[in-house]
């Protein structure tokens, strides 16, 4: 798990490099309706659509400290999905939606993905206060958009909170997958003409693979021990993610097994089966 939470020192949460994100497993089993940011205004004049234009400040209530705070969120129906990567990472037209999946309470430091933010047992609130809030130095909420660096820090905080509140193995794996996607997005956004491009690219490549490895390990455990849906995903969806991720670490046999599950499934869509076949072809090409 080395380095998976490095970078949180700026928030006062240092010495986390060796934390085992799956350690708890063994211990305990409105503004969205504003005018569309499209290519024309009411008068038919072309309007530039920016990342900022598809965002709004959404209000959240923290389940740990009961404070109200705002965080950037994407307006429903305003961000166009362009395509999916082979591991189902979504690529959007205007803003990388993954950058806005994690929210952080600016007062106490508790964080989580939007879908799980309110899910915390009363007995773990004290742990959050002792292990995060007591050291938390605050977070900048003045930015109009989140950079990839901002998004990764917020998602790392979500992972830390999920570990402390004894979240499911699948939840921690899913956050690791999000971190891998964010790192990939940062890698893709690098200036190829910059003199340090190669060094930065290689560093991010290693970080992405580290996140993917943790995601794969966590999902493998969840696949065997948790019931579907897992993190809102059915078996076919998770099998696609695990197959594409696993093949990158030499888990070809397991990847092919997961792909066969999708291809033979009566519930998988034709699109999902086509994706599985394409990944299977990539696996075969890796042997050549």
Protein backbone atom coordinates (compact mmCIF):
# COMPACT_ATOMS: atom_id res chain seq x y z
CA UNK A 1 0.00 0.00 0.00
CA UNK A 2 3.11 2.18 -0.10
CA UNK A 3 2.48 5.78 -1.06
CA UNK A 4 -1.23 5.37 -1.67
CA UNK A 5 -2.10 8.20 0.73
CA UNK A 6 1.08 10.24 0.32
CA UNK A 7 0.37 13.91 -0.23
CA UNK A 8 -2.06 14.42 2.65
CA UNK A 9 0.66 16.04 4.78
CA UNK A 10 -0.57 19.47 3.66
CA UNK A 11 -3.81 18.82 5.55
CA UNK A 12 -1.93 17.88 8.72
CA UNK A 13 -2.43 14.16 8.07
CA UNK A 14 1.10 12.90 7.60
CA UNK A 15 2.80 9.55 8.32
CA UNK A 16 0.19 7.63 6.33
CA UNK A 17 2.50 6.01 3.79
CA UNK A 18 2.31 2.56 5.37
CA UNK A 19 -1.38 2.46 6.23
CA UNK A 20 -3.11 -0.75 5.22
CA UNK A 21 -6.35 0.34 3.60
CA UNK A 22 -7.87 -3.11 4.00
CA UNK A 23 -6.75 -3.61 7.63
CA UNK A 24 -10.20 -3.20 9.15
CA UNK A 25 -11.54 -6.25 7.33
CA UNK A 26 -10.10 -8.56 9.84
CA UNK A 27 -11.24 -6.47 12.80
CA UNK A 28 -14.94 -6.19 11.97
CA UNK A 29 -16.80 -7.97 9.33
CA UNK A 30 -32.25 23.63 -7.52
CA UNK A 31 -29.14 25.27 -9.00
CA UNK A 32 -29.01 22.35 -11.32
CA UNK A 33 -31.96 23.65 -13.36
CA UNK A 34 -30.19 26.77 -14.62
CA UNK A 35 -30.00 27.34 -18.36
CA UNK A 36 -28.12 24.65 -20.25
CA UNK A 37 -24.44 25.41 -20.93
CA UNK A 38 -24.86 24.48 -24.57
CA UNK A 39 -23.41 25.98 -27.69
CA UNK A 40 -26.10 28.68 -28.07
CA UNK A 41 -27.77 31.14 -25.73
CA UNK A 42 -31.43 32.20 -25.92
CA UNK A 43 -30.64 34.45 -28.87
CA UNK A 44 -28.94 31.73 -30.85
CA UNK A 45 -25.45 33.17 -30.27
CA UNK A 46 -22.64 30.65 -29.87
CA UNK A 47 -21.47 30.30 -26.26
CA UNK A 48 -18.27 28.62 -25.15
CA UNK A 49 -18.87 25.73 -22.78
CA UNK A 50 -16.22 25.51 -20.07
CA UNK A 51 -15.68 23.15 -17.15
CA UNK A 52 -16.76 25.89 -14.78
CA UNK A 53 -20.05 26.37 -16.64
CA UNK A 54 -21.22 22.79 -15.92
CA UNK A 55 -20.54 23.10 -12.18
CA UNK A 56 -22.50 24.50 -9.27
CA UNK A 57 -22.00 24.77 -5.52
CA UNK A 58 -23.96 22.02 -3.84
CA UNK A 59 -24.71 22.11 -0.13
CA UNK A 60 -23.96 19.08 2.04
CA UNK A 61 -24.46 18.33 5.72
CA UNK A 62 -21.61 16.53 7.44
CA UNK A 63 -22.70 13.38 9.32
CA UNK A 64 -19.70 13.74 11.67
CA UNK A 65 -19.80 17.37 12.81
CA UNK A 66 -23.28 18.39 11.56
CA UNK A 67 -21.89 21.46 9.81
CA UNK A 68 -23.21 22.65 6.45
CA UNK A 69 -20.74 23.24 3.64
CA UNK A 70 -20.57 23.59 -0.12
CA UNK A 71 -18.61 21.59 -2.67
CA UNK A 72 -18.41 21.66 -6.44
CA UNK A 73 -20.79 19.32 -8.25
CA UNK A 74 -21.76 18.74 -11.87
CA UNK A 75 -25.17 19.91 -13.03
CA UNK A 76 -27.39 16.99 -13.97
CA UNK A 77 -27.57 16.47 -17.72
CA UNK A 78 -24.97 19.15 -18.47
CA UNK A 79 -21.89 16.96 -18.99
CA UNK A 80 -21.85 14.81 -22.13
CA UNK A 81 -20.43 11.28 -21.94
CA UNK A 82 -18.12 10.72 -24.91
CA UNK A 83 -16.86 7.17 -24.38
CA UNK A 84 -15.61 4.62 -21.86
CA UNK A 85 -12.08 3.35 -21.37
CA UNK A 86 -11.66 -0.42 -21.42
CA UNK A 87 -11.90 -0.47 -17.59
CA UNK A 88 -15.12 1.57 -17.82
CA UNK A 89 -13.55 4.89 -16.87
CA UNK A 90 -15.99 7.52 -18.23
CA UNK A 91 -14.68 10.23 -20.56
CA UNK A 92 -16.79 13.38 -20.65
CA UNK A 93 -16.88 16.30 -23.07
CA UNK A 94 -16.71 19.26 -20.72
CA UNK A 95 -15.40 18.12 -17.34
CA UNK A 96 -13.89 14.95 -15.93
CA UNK A 97 -16.73 13.85 -13.68
CA UNK A 98 -14.43 11.72 -11.54
CA UNK A 99 -12.81 14.93 -10.24
CA UNK A 100 -16.05 15.80 -8.46
CA UNK A 101 -16.97 12.41 -6.99
CA UNK A 102 -15.29 12.96 -3.60
CA UNK A 103 -16.51 15.59 -1.15
CA UNK A 104 -14.73 16.85 1.95
CA UNK A 105 -16.17 18.58 4.99
CA UNK A 106 -14.12 21.77 5.21
CA UNK A 107 -14.60 21.92 8.98
CA UNK A 108 -13.74 18.45 10.27
CA UNK A 109 -12.01 16.77 7.32
CA UNK A 110 -14.39 13.84 7.01
CA UNK A 111 -14.67 12.82 3.35
CA UNK A 112 -16.30 10.28 1.11
CA UNK A 113 -17.60 9.60 -2.35
CA UNK A 114 -20.98 11.22 -2.91
CA UNK A 115 -22.82 7.87 -2.88
CA UNK A 116 -21.37 6.85 0.52
CA UNK A 117 -20.80 10.21 2.22
CA UNK A 118 -23.67 9.85 4.69
CA UNK A 119 -22.86 6.23 5.50
CA UNK A 120 -21.01 6.20 8.80
CA UNK A 121 -21.88 4.45 12.04
CA UNK A 122 -22.09 6.52 15.22
CA UNK A 123 -19.31 4.49 16.81
CA UNK A 124 -16.84 5.61 14.13
CA UNK A 125 -17.52 9.34 14.40
CA UNK A 126 -15.28 9.50 17.46
CA UNK A 127 -12.49 7.81 15.48
CA UNK A 128 -12.85 10.36 12.66
CA UNK A 129 -12.61 13.20 15.17
CA UNK A 130 -9.53 11.73 16.84
CA UNK A 131 -7.65 10.57 13.75
CA UNK A 132 -8.60 13.26 11.23
CA UNK A 133 -10.35 16.28 12.73
CA UNK A 134 -7.79 16.78 15.52
CA UNK A 135 -5.04 17.17 12.91
CA UNK A 136 -6.96 18.61 9.96
CA UNK A 137 -5.65 21.96 8.69
CA UNK A 138 -8.57 22.74 6.41
CA UNK A 139 -9.06 22.65 2.64
CA UNK A 140 -9.30 25.40 0.03
CA UNK A 141 -12.91 25.84 -1.10
CA UNK A 142 -12.37 29.04 -3.09
CA UNK A 143 -11.43 27.39 -6.39
CA UNK A 144 -13.89 27.59 -9.28
CA UNK A 145 -12.84 24.16 -10.58
CA UNK A 146 -10.80 21.30 -9.16
CA UNK A 147 -7.47 20.41 -10.70
CA UNK A 148 -6.44 16.77 -10.87
CA UNK A 149 -4.16 17.41 -7.91
CA UNK A 150 -7.12 18.79 -5.93
CA UNK A 151 -9.30 15.84 -6.93
CA UNK A 152 -6.68 13.25 -5.97
CA UNK A 153 -6.19 14.85 -2.56
CA UNK A 154 -9.93 14.87 -1.94
CA UNK A 155 -10.26 11.26 -3.02
CA UNK A 156 -7.34 10.24 -0.81
CA UNK A 157 -9.14 11.88 2.10
CA UNK A 158 -12.24 9.86 1.16
CA UNK A 159 -10.16 6.68 1.22
CA UNK A 160 -8.70 7.55 4.61
CA UNK A 161 -12.15 8.22 6.08
CA UNK A 162 -13.45 4.96 4.59
CA UNK A 163 -10.61 3.03 6.22
CA UNK A 164 -11.25 4.68 9.60
CA UNK A 165 -15.01 4.08 9.47
CA UNK A 166 -14.42 0.42 8.56
CA UNK A 167 -15.99 0.64 5.12
CA UNK A 168 -16.47 -2.45 3.01
CA UNK A 169 -13.48 -3.85 1.15
CA UNK A 170 -15.29 -3.10 -2.10
CA UNK A 171 -15.75 0.57 -1.11
CA UNK A 172 -12.02 0.99 -0.54
CA UNK A 173 -11.24 -0.82 -3.79
CA UNK A 174 -13.68 1.43 -5.66
CA UNK A 175 -11.99 4.56 -4.31
CA UNK A 176 -8.62 3.15 -5.40
CA UNK A 177 -10.08 2.69 -8.88
CA UNK A 178 -11.22 6.32 -8.86
CA UNK A 179 -7.70 7.38 -7.85
CA UNK A 180 -6.29 5.38 -10.76
CA UNK A 181 -8.71 7.10 -13.16
CA UNK A 182 -7.77 10.54 -11.82
CA UNK A 183 -4.07 9.78 -12.15
CA UNK A 184 -4.66 8.65 -15.73
CA UNK A 185 -6.52 11.86 -16.44
CA UNK A 186 -3.63 13.89 -15.06
CA UNK A 187 -1.24 11.85 -17.17
CA UNK A 188 -3.27 12.51 -20.31
CA UNK A 189 -3.37 16.23 -19.55
CA UNK A 190 0.43 16.61 -19.38
CA UNK A 191 2.10 19.00 -21.79
CA UNK A 192 3.96 16.73 -24.20
CA UNK A 193 6.27 19.58 -25.16
CA UNK A 194 7.42 20.22 -21.61
CA UNK A 195 11.05 19.25 -20.88
CA UNK A 196 10.01 17.16 -17.86
CA UNK A 197 7.17 15.39 -19.66
CA UNK A 198 8.80 11.94 -19.66
CA UNK A 199 9.71 12.05 -15.98
CA UNK A 200 6.24 13.19 -14.94
CA UNK A 201 4.55 10.65 -17.23
CA UNK A 202 6.57 7.74 -15.84
CA UNK A 203 5.90 8.84 -12.25
CA UNK A 204 2.15 9.05 -12.87
CA UNK A 205 2.20 5.73 -14.71
CA UNK A 206 3.65 4.03 -11.62
CA UNK A 207 1.12 5.73 -9.35
CA UNK A 208 -1.77 4.68 -11.58
CA UNK A 209 -0.62 1.06 -11.58
CA UNK A 210 -0.27 1.14 -7.80
CA UNK A 211 -3.85 2.35 -7.42
CA UNK A 212 -5.07 -0.24 -9.95
CA UNK A 213 -3.27 -3.03 -8.10
CA UNK A 214 -4.98 -2.05 -4.83
CA UNK A 215 -8.34 -1.81 -6.61
CA UNK A 216 -7.86 -5.25 -8.14
CA UNK A 217 -6.86 -6.86 -4.84
CA UNK A 218 -9.83 -5.31 -3.05
CA UNK A 219 -12.34 -6.24 -5.74
CA UNK A 220 -10.98 -9.80 -5.85
CA UNK A 221 -11.73 -10.15 -2.15
CA UNK A 222 -15.15 -8.50 -2.52
CA UNK A 223 -16.03 -10.75 -5.47
CA UNK A 224 -15.58 -13.78 -3.23
CA UNK A 225 -17.07 -12.42 -0.02
CA UNK A 226 -19.66 -9.74 -0.79
CA UNK A 227 -23.08 -9.93 -2.40
CA UNK A 228 -24.02 -8.13 -5.59
CA UNK A 229 -24.62 -5.35 -6.36
CA UNK A 230 -21.12 -4.31 -5.28
CA UNK A 231 -20.66 -0.53 -5.18
CA UNK A 232 -23.75 -0.29 -7.33
CA UNK A 233 -22.27 -2.66 -9.95
CA UNK A 234 -23.66 -5.98 -11.13
CA UNK A 235 -21.39 -8.98 -11.67
CA UNK A 236 -20.82 -8.31 -15.37
CA UNK A 237 -19.69 -4.74 -14.79
CA UNK A 238 -17.29 -5.74 -12.03
CA UNK A 239 -15.93 -8.61 -14.14
CA UNK A 240 -15.09 -6.20 -16.97
CA UNK A 241 -13.22 -3.91 -14.60
CA UNK A 242 -11.35 -6.77 -12.92
CA UNK A 243 -10.44 -8.43 -16.22
CA UNK A 244 -9.04 -5.26 -17.78
CA UNK A 245 -7.23 -4.31 -14.59
CA UNK A 246 -5.92 -7.80 -13.85
CA UNK A 247 -4.39 -8.32 -17.28
CA UNK A 248 -2.07 -5.38 -16.57
CA UNK A 249 -0.53 -7.35 -13.69
CA UNK A 250 -0.09 -10.67 -15.45
CA UNK A 251 -3.38 -12.08 -14.17
CA UNK A 252 -4.31 -13.30 -17.65
CA UNK A 253 -5.87 -16.57 -16.52
CA UNK A 254 -8.14 -14.79 -14.04
CA UNK A 255 -8.90 -12.07 -16.59
CA UNK A 256 -10.05 -14.62 -19.16
CA UNK A 257 -12.22 -16.31 -16.54
CA UNK A 258 -13.94 -13.02 -15.69
CA UNK A 259 -14.41 -12.24 -19.38
CA UNK A 260 -15.95 -15.65 -20.02
CA UNK A 261 -18.44 -14.94 -17.24
CA UNK A 262 -19.58 -11.83 -19.10
CA UNK A 263 -19.63 -13.43 -22.56
CA UNK A 264 -21.71 -16.38 -21.33
CA UNK A 265 -24.03 -14.29 -19.17
CA UNK A 266 -27.70 -14.10 -20.10
CA UNK A 267 -27.95 -10.72 -18.39
CA UNK A 268 -25.02 -8.98 -20.07
CA UNK A 269 -25.88 -6.54 -22.84
CA UNK A 270 -24.47 -6.94 -26.34
CA UNK A 271 -22.31 -3.88 -25.72
CA UNK A 272 -20.89 -5.41 -22.55
CA UNK A 273 -20.15 -8.68 -24.33
CA UNK A 274 -18.42 -6.80 -27.15
CA UNK A 275 -16.23 -5.04 -24.59
CA UNK A 276 -15.36 -8.41 -23.04
CA UNK A 277 -14.37 -9.83 -26.43
CA UNK A 278 -12.16 -6.84 -27.16
CA UNK A 279 -10.35 -7.23 -23.85
CA UNK A 280 -9.98 -10.95 -24.56
CA UNK A 281 -8.27 -10.07 -27.85
CA UNK A 282 -5.89 -7.75 -26.02
CA UNK A 283 -5.04 -10.60 -23.63
CA UNK A 284 -4.21 -12.83 -26.59
CA UNK A 285 -2.07 -10.12 -28.20
CA UNK A 286 -0.05 -9.82 -24.99
CA UNK A 287 1.13 -13.39 -25.53
CA UNK A 288 2.59 -12.52 -28.94
